[in-house]
Amino acid sequence: MPGPPQAAGCCPVPNDRVGNLDVPRSHTKEVDGEAVRLGAWVSQQRVKAGKLSVQRVEELSALDMRWA
């Protein structure tokens, strides 16, 4: 998935934990010993939804992204 490698690498983790990417903006996840602001990244994807490529939307939707 294009985008910040840290965020892309940990997207499936919240999906496994809660069943979707509806995480709070403050949610962080440790990846390779580094805290990644996953909630902020997911929130930004929602804000930019109209500007994302079809491929990005499909990839995030496959992870059960909550767009609203």
PDB file of N, CA and C in Angstrom:
ATOM      1  N   MET A   1       0.850  -1.167   0.000  1.00  0.00           N
ATOM      2  CA  MET A   1       0.000   0.000   0.000  1.00  0.00           C
ATOM      3  C   MET A   1       0.899   1.235   0.000  1.00  0.00           C
ATOM      4  N   PRO A   2       0.670   2.197  -0.867  1.00  0.00           N
ATOM      5  CA  PRO A   2       1.475   3.402  -0.868  1.00  0.00           C
ATOM      6  C   PRO A   2       1.249   4.200   0.411  1.00  0.00           C
ATOM      7  N   GLY A   3       2.180   5.039   0.742  1.00  0.00           N
ATOM      8  CA  GLY A   3       2.028   5.892   1.919  1.00  0.00           C
ATOM      9  C   GLY A   3       3.158   5.656   2.881  1.00  0.00           C
ATOM     10  N   PRO A   4       3.046   6.228   4.073  1.00  0.00           N
ATOM     11  CA  PRO A   4       4.109   6.053   5.059  1.00  0.00           C
ATOM     12  C   PRO A   4       4.342   4.576   5.321  1.00  0.00           C
ATOM     13  N   PRO A   5       5.574   4.108   5.145  1.00  0.00           N
ATOM     14  CA  PRO A   5       5.816   2.678   5.308  1.00  0.00           C
ATOM     15  C   PRO A   5       5.447   2.176   6.690  1.00  0.00           C
ATOM     16  N   GLN A   6       5.661   2.999   7.721  1.00  0.00           N
ATOM     17  CA  GLN A   6       5.321   2.537   9.059  1.00  0.00           C
ATOM     18  C   GLN A   6       3.811   2.341   9.175  1.00  0.00           C
ATOM     19  N   ALA A   7       3.036   3.272   8.672  1.00  0.00           N
ATOM     20  CA  ALA A   7       1.581   3.163   8.769  1.00  0.00           C
ATOM     21  C   ALA A   7       1.080   2.000   7.935  1.00  0.00           C
ATOM     22  N   ALA A   8       1.595   1.857   6.739  1.00  0.00           N
ATOM     23  CA  ALA A   8       1.161   0.763   5.872  1.00  0.00           C
ATOM     24  C   ALA A   8       1.502  -0.575   6.503  1.00  0.00           C
ATOM     25  N   GLY A   9       2.651  -0.639   7.155  1.00  0.00           N
ATOM     26  CA  GLY A   9       3.070  -1.888   7.767  1.00  0.00           C
ATOM     27  C   GLY A   9       2.237  -2.293   8.958  1.00  0.00           C
ATOM     28  N   CYS A  10       1.593  -1.356   9.618  1.00  0.00           N
ATOM     29  CA  CYS A  10       0.843  -1.723  10.810  1.00  0.00           C
ATOM     30  C   CYS A  10      -0.660  -1.604  10.626  1.00  0.00           C
ATOM     31  N   CYS A  11      -1.141  -1.238   9.467  1.00  0.00           N
ATOM     32  CA  CYS A  11      -2.586  -1.156   9.257  1.00  0.00           C
ATOM     33  C   CYS A  11      -3.319  -2.452   9.575  1.00  0.00           C
ATOM     34  N   PRO A  12      -2.822  -3.599   9.155  1.00  0.00           N
ATOM     35  CA  PRO A  12      -3.569  -4.813   9.467  1.00  0.00           C
ATOM     36  C   PRO A  12      -3.670  -5.113  10.955  1.00  0.00           C
ATOM     37  N   VAL A  13      -2.789  -4.567  11.776  1.00  0.00           N
ATOM     38  CA  VAL A  13      -2.812  -4.871  13.205  1.00  0.00           C
ATOM     39  C   VAL A  13      -4.100  -4.386  13.868  1.00  0.00           C
ATOM     40  N   PRO A  14      -4.481  -3.080  13.717  1.00  0.00           N
ATOM     41  CA  PRO A  14      -5.751  -2.669  14.318  1.00  0.00           C
ATOM     42  C   PRO A  14      -6.926  -3.403  13.679  1.00  0.00           C
ATOM     43  N   ASN A  15      -6.818  -3.698  12.388  1.00  0.00           N
ATOM     44  CA  ASN A  15      -7.876  -4.425  11.710  1.00  0.00           C
ATOM     45  C   ASN A  15      -8.096  -5.766  12.405  1.00  0.00           C
ATOM     46  N   ASP A  16      -7.029  -6.459  12.753  1.00  0.00           N
ATOM     47  CA  ASP A  16      -7.143  -7.733  13.448  1.00  0.00           C
ATOM     48  C   ASP A  16      -7.708  -7.544  14.853  1.00  0.00           C
ATOM     49  N   ARG A  17      -7.358  -6.463  15.486  1.00  0.00           N
ATOM     50  CA  ARG A  17      -7.744  -6.237  16.879  1.00  0.00           C
ATOM     51  C   ARG A  17      -9.205  -5.822  17.012  1.00  0.00           C
ATOM     52  N   VAL A  18      -9.658  -4.882  16.181  1.00  0.00           N
ATOM     53  CA  VAL A  18     -11.010  -4.348  16.317  1.00  0.00           C
ATOM     54  C   VAL A  18     -11.908  -4.696  15.139  1.00  0.00           C
ATOM     55  N   GLY A  19     -11.362  -5.288  14.110  1.00  0.00           N
ATOM     56  CA  GLY A  19     -12.165  -5.705  12.977  1.00  0.00           C
ATOM     57  C   GLY A  19     -12.297  -4.666  11.876  1.00  0.00           C
ATOM     58  N   ASN A  20     -11.706  -3.494  12.060  1.00  0.00           N
ATOM     59  CA  ASN A  20     -11.763  -2.460  11.030  1.00  0.00           C
ATOM     60  C   ASN A  20     -10.703  -1.407  11.328  1.00  0.00           C
ATOM     61  N   LEU A  21     -10.646  -0.380  10.488  1.00  0.00           N
ATOM     62  CA  LEU A  21      -9.673   0.697  10.700  1.00  0.00           C
ATOM     63  C   LEU A  21     -10.318   1.912  11.362  1.00  0.00           C
ATOM     64  N   ASP A  22     -11.341   1.687  12.159  1.00  0.00           N
ATOM     65  CA  ASP A  22     -11.989   2.776  12.883  1.00  0.00           C
ATOM     66  C   ASP A  22     -11.296   2.927  14.234  1.00  0.00           C
ATOM     67  N   VAL A  23     -10.078   3.466  14.186  1.00  0.00           N
ATOM     68  CA  VAL A  23      -9.292   3.662  15.404  1.00  0.00           C
ATOM     69  C   VAL A  23      -9.324   5.139  15.788  1.00  0.00           C
ATOM     70  N   PRO A  24      -9.190   5.456  17.076  1.00  0.00           N
ATOM     71  CA  PRO A  24      -9.167   6.857  17.486  1.00  0.00           C
ATOM     72  C   PRO A  24      -7.943   7.580  16.912  1.00  0.00           C
ATOM     73  N   ARG A  25      -8.079   8.873  16.701  1.00  0.00           N
ATOM     74  CA  ARG A  25      -6.984   9.672  16.148  1.00  0.00           C
ATOM     75  C   ARG A  25      -5.718   9.551  17.006  1.00  0.00           C
ATOM     76  N   SER A  26      -5.881   9.354  18.294  1.00  0.00           N
ATOM     77  CA  SER A  26      -4.732   9.284  19.213  1.00  0.00           C
ATOM     78  C   SER A  26      -4.069   7.906  19.238  1.00  0.00           C
ATOM     79  N   HIS A  27      -4.598   6.945  18.498  1.00  0.00           N
ATOM     80  CA  HIS A  27      -4.074   5.578  18.525  1.00  0.00           C
ATOM     81  C   HIS A  27      -2.653   5.518  17.969  1.00  0.00           C
ATOM     82  N   THR A  28      -1.768   4.895  18.715  1.00  0.00           N
ATOM     83  CA  THR A  28      -0.398   4.655  18.246  1.00  0.00           C
ATOM     84  C   THR A  28      -0.136   3.154  18.305  1.00  0.00           C
ATOM     85  N   LYS A  29       0.817   2.727  17.507  1.00  0.00           N
ATOM     86  CA  LYS A  29       1.197   1.325  17.474  1.00  0.00           C
ATOM     87  C   LYS A  29       2.704   1.248  17.351  1.00  0.00           C
ATOM     88  N   GLU A  30       3.326   0.379  18.120  1.00  0.00           N
ATOM     89  CA  GLU A  30       4.772   0.222  18.035  1.00  0.00           C
ATOM     90  C   GLU A  30       5.117  -0.726  16.895  1.00  0.00           C
ATOM     91  N   VAL A  31       5.959  -0.246  15.987  1.00  0.00           N
ATOM     92  CA  VAL A  31       6.412  -1.033  14.848  1.00  0.00           C
ATOM     93  C   VAL A  31       7.928  -0.919  14.794  1.00  0.00           C
ATOM     94  N   ASP A  32       8.602  -2.032  14.854  1.00  0.00           N
ATOM     95  CA  ASP A  32      10.062  -2.058  14.838  1.00  0.00           C
ATOM     96  C   ASP A  32      10.652  -1.132  15.889  1.00  0.00           C
ATOM     97  N   GLY A  33      10.052  -1.121  17.082  1.00  0.00           N
ATOM     98  CA  GLY A  33      10.558  -0.324  18.184  1.00  0.00           C
ATOM     99  C   GLY A  33      10.257   1.162  18.096  1.00  0.00           C
ATOM    100  N   GLU A  34       9.444   1.559  17.140  1.00  0.00           N
ATOM    101  CA  GLU A  34       9.121   2.967  16.949  1.00  0.00           C
ATOM    102  C   GLU A  34       7.613   3.166  17.030  1.00  0.00           C
ATOM    103  N   ALA A  35       7.180   4.186  17.790  1.00  0.00           N
ATOM    104  CA  ALA A  35       5.757   4.486  17.901  1.00  0.00           C
ATOM    105  C   ALA A  35       5.283   5.159  16.612  1.00  0.00           C
ATOM    106  N   VAL A  36       4.249   4.595  16.009  1.00  0.00           N
ATOM    107  CA  VAL A  36       3.679   5.120  14.776  1.00  0.00           C
ATOM    108  C   VAL A  36       2.298   5.674  15.098  1.00  0.00           C
ATOM    109  N   ARG A  37       2.033   6.891  14.647  1.00  0.00           N
ATOM    110  CA  ARG A  37       0.753   7.544  14.905  1.00  0.00           C
ATOM    111  C   ARG A  37      -0.290   7.045  13.886  1.00  0.00           C
ATOM    112  N   LEU A  38      -0.700   5.813  14.058  1.00  0.00           N
ATOM    113  CA  LEU A  38      -1.605   5.181  13.111  1.00  0.00           C
ATOM    114  C   LEU A  38      -2.955   5.891  13.048  1.00  0.00           C
ATOM    115  N   GLY A  39      -3.489   6.275  14.191  1.00  0.00           N
ATOM    116  CA  GLY A  39      -4.789   6.951  14.207  1.00  0.00           C
ATOM    117  C   GLY A  39      -4.777   8.239  13.403  1.00  0.00           C
ATOM    118  N   ALA A  40      -3.722   9.009  13.523  1.00  0.00           N
ATOM    119  CA  ALA A  40      -3.602  10.262  12.761  1.00  0.00           C
ATOM    120  C   ALA A  40      -3.495   9.961  11.266  1.00  0.00           C
ATOM    121  N   TRP A  41      -2.743   8.917  10.914  1.00  0.00           N
ATOM    122  CA  TRP A  41      -2.577   8.558   9.508  1.00  0.00           C
ATOM    123  C   TRP A  41      -3.908   8.120   8.902  1.00  0.00           C
ATOM    124  N   VAL A  42      -4.661   7.279   9.631  1.00  0.00           N
ATOM    125  CA  VAL A  42      -5.967   6.820   9.150  1.00  0.00           C
ATOM    126  C   VAL A  42      -6.906   8.008   8.997  1.00  0.00           C
ATOM    127  N   SER A  43      -6.890   8.910   9.967  1.00  0.00           N
ATOM    128  CA  SER A  43      -7.737  10.105   9.902  1.00  0.00           C
ATOM    129  C   SER A  43      -7.421  10.940   8.661  1.00  0.00           C
ATOM    130  N   GLN A  44      -6.151  11.089   8.354  1.00  0.00           N
ATOM    131  CA  GLN A  44      -5.744  11.853   7.165  1.00  0.00           C
ATOM    132  C   GLN A  44      -6.213  11.182   5.874  1.00  0.00           C
ATOM    133  N   GLN A  45      -6.222   9.850   5.857  1.00  0.00           N
ATOM    134  CA  GLN A  45      -6.713   9.144   4.674  1.00  0.00           C
ATOM    135  C   GLN A  45      -8.187   9.451   4.458  1.00  0.00           C
ATOM    136  N   ARG A  46      -8.945   9.558   5.551  1.00  0.00           N
ATOM    137  CA  ARG A  46     -10.370   9.911   5.442  1.00  0.00           C
ATOM    138  C   ARG A  46     -10.532  11.326   4.901  1.00  0.00           C
ATOM    139  N   VAL A  47      -9.728  12.247   5.414  1.00  0.00           N
ATOM    140  CA  VAL A  47      -9.822  13.646   4.978  1.00  0.00           C
ATOM    141  C   VAL A  47      -9.507  13.762   3.489  1.00  0.00           C
ATOM    142  N   LYS A  48      -8.520  12.998   3.026  1.00  0.00           N
ATOM    143  CA  LYS A  48      -8.080  13.063   1.629  1.00  0.00           C
ATOM    144  C   LYS A  48      -8.822  12.081   0.728  1.00  0.00           C
ATOM    145  N   ALA A  49      -9.894  11.465   1.202  1.00  0.00           N
ATOM    146  CA  ALA A  49     -10.567  10.383   0.470  1.00  0.00           C
ATOM    147  C   ALA A  49     -10.879  10.750  -0.978  1.00  0.00           C
ATOM    148  N   GLY A  50     -11.341  11.959  -1.223  1.00  0.00           N
ATOM    149  CA  GLY A  50     -11.699  12.367  -2.576  1.00  0.00           C
ATOM    150  C   GLY A  50     -10.504  12.530  -3.496  1.00  0.00           C
ATOM    151  N   LYS A  51      -9.304  12.618  -2.931  1.00  0.00           N
ATOM    152  CA  LYS A  51      -8.089  12.813  -3.720  1.00  0.00           C
ATOM    153  C   LYS A  51      -7.251  11.545  -3.842  1.00  0.00           C
ATOM    154  N   LEU A  52      -7.659  10.482  -3.174  1.00  0.00           N
ATOM    155  CA  LEU A  52      -6.893   9.236  -3.210  1.00  0.00           C
ATOM    156  C   LEU A  52      -7.125   8.505  -4.522  1.00  0.00           C
ATOM    157  N   SER A  53      -6.138   7.742  -4.926  1.00  0.00           N
ATOM    158  CA  SER A  53      -6.278   6.929  -6.138  1.00  0.00           C
ATOM    159  C   SER A  53      -7.299   5.819  -5.876  1.00  0.00           C
ATOM    160  N   VAL A  54      -7.849   5.301  -6.940  1.00  0.00           N
ATOM    161  CA  VAL A  54      -8.790   4.191  -6.834  1.00  0.00           C
ATOM    162  C   VAL A  54      -8.110   3.013  -6.144  1.00  0.00           C
ATOM    163  N   GLN A  55      -6.852   2.782  -6.489  1.00  0.00           N
ATOM    164  CA  GLN A  55      -6.111   1.675  -5.882  1.00  0.00           C
ATOM    165  C   GLN A  55      -6.002   1.850  -4.367  1.00  0.00           C
ATOM    166  N   ARG A  56      -5.666   3.063  -3.907  1.00  0.00           N
ATOM    167  CA  ARG A  56      -5.532   3.316  -2.463  1.00  0.00           C
ATOM    168  C   ARG A  56      -6.865   3.082  -1.767  1.00  0.00           C
ATOM    169  N   VAL A  57      -7.948   3.573  -2.353  1.00  0.00           N
ATOM    170  CA  VAL A  57      -9.270   3.389  -1.756  1.00  0.00           C
ATOM    171  C   VAL A  57      -9.603   1.902  -1.664  1.00  0.00           C
ATOM    172  N   GLU A  58      -9.307   1.160  -2.714  1.00  0.00           N
ATOM    173  CA  GLU A  58      -9.571  -0.284  -2.707  1.00  0.00           C
ATOM    174  C   GLU A  58      -8.739  -1.001  -1.648  1.00  0.00           C
ATOM    175  N   GLU A  59      -7.469  -0.622  -1.527  1.00  0.00           N
ATOM    176  CA  GLU A  59      -6.594  -1.247  -0.530  1.00  0.00           C
ATOM    177  C   GLU A  59      -7.097  -0.988   0.884  1.00  0.00           C
ATOM    178  N   LEU A  60      -7.449   0.258   1.165  1.00  0.00           N
ATOM    179  CA  LEU A  60      -7.944   0.588   2.496  1.00  0.00           C
ATOM    180  C   LEU A  60      -9.307  -0.042   2.747  1.00  0.00           C
ATOM    181  N   SER A  61     -10.146  -0.074   1.740  1.00  0.00           N
ATOM    182  CA  SER A  61     -11.459  -0.698   1.881  1.00  0.00           C
ATOM    183  C   SER A  61     -11.321  -2.192   2.159  1.00  0.00           C
ATOM    184  N   ALA A  62     -10.322  -2.828   1.581  1.00  0.00           N
ATOM    185  CA  ALA A  62     -10.073  -4.252   1.829  1.00  0.00           C
ATOM    186  C   ALA A  62      -9.704  -4.502   3.291  1.00  0.00           C
ATOM    187  N   LEU A  63      -9.171  -3.484   3.959  1.00  0.00           N
ATOM    188  CA  LEU A  63      -8.846  -3.579   5.390  1.00  0.00           C
ATOM    189  C   LEU A  63     -10.024  -3.130   6.248  1.00  0.00           C
ATOM    190  N   ASP A  64     -11.181  -2.952   5.623  1.00  0.00           N
ATOM    191  CA  ASP A  64     -12.421  -2.536   6.282  1.00  0.00           C
ATOM    192  C   ASP A  64     -12.322  -1.112   6.827  1.00  0.00           C
ATOM    193  N   MET A  65     -11.793  -0.224   6.003  1.00  0.00           N
ATOM    194  CA  MET A  65     -11.701   1.199   6.350  1.00  0.00           C
ATOM    195  C   MET A  65     -13.089   1.769   6.559  1.00  0.00           C
ATOM    196  N   ARG A  66     -13.260   2.552   7.607  1.00  0.00           N
ATOM    197  CA  ARG A  66     -14.501   3.274   7.858  1.00  0.00           C
ATOM    198  C   ARG A  66     -14.320   4.670   7.293  1.00  0.00           C
ATOM    199  N   TRP A  67     -15.011   4.995   6.186  1.00  0.00           N
ATOM    200  CA  TRP A  67     -14.804   6.265   5.493  1.00  0.00           C
ATOM    201  C   TRP A  67     -15.564   7.420   6.119  1.00  0.00           C
ATOM    202  N   ALA A  68     -16.537   7.160   6.931  1.00  0.00           N
ATOM    203  CA  ALA A  68     -17.306   8.258   7.535  1.00  0.00           C
ATOM    204  C   ALA A  68     -17.193   8.212   9.042  1.00  0.00           C
TER     205      ALA A  68
END
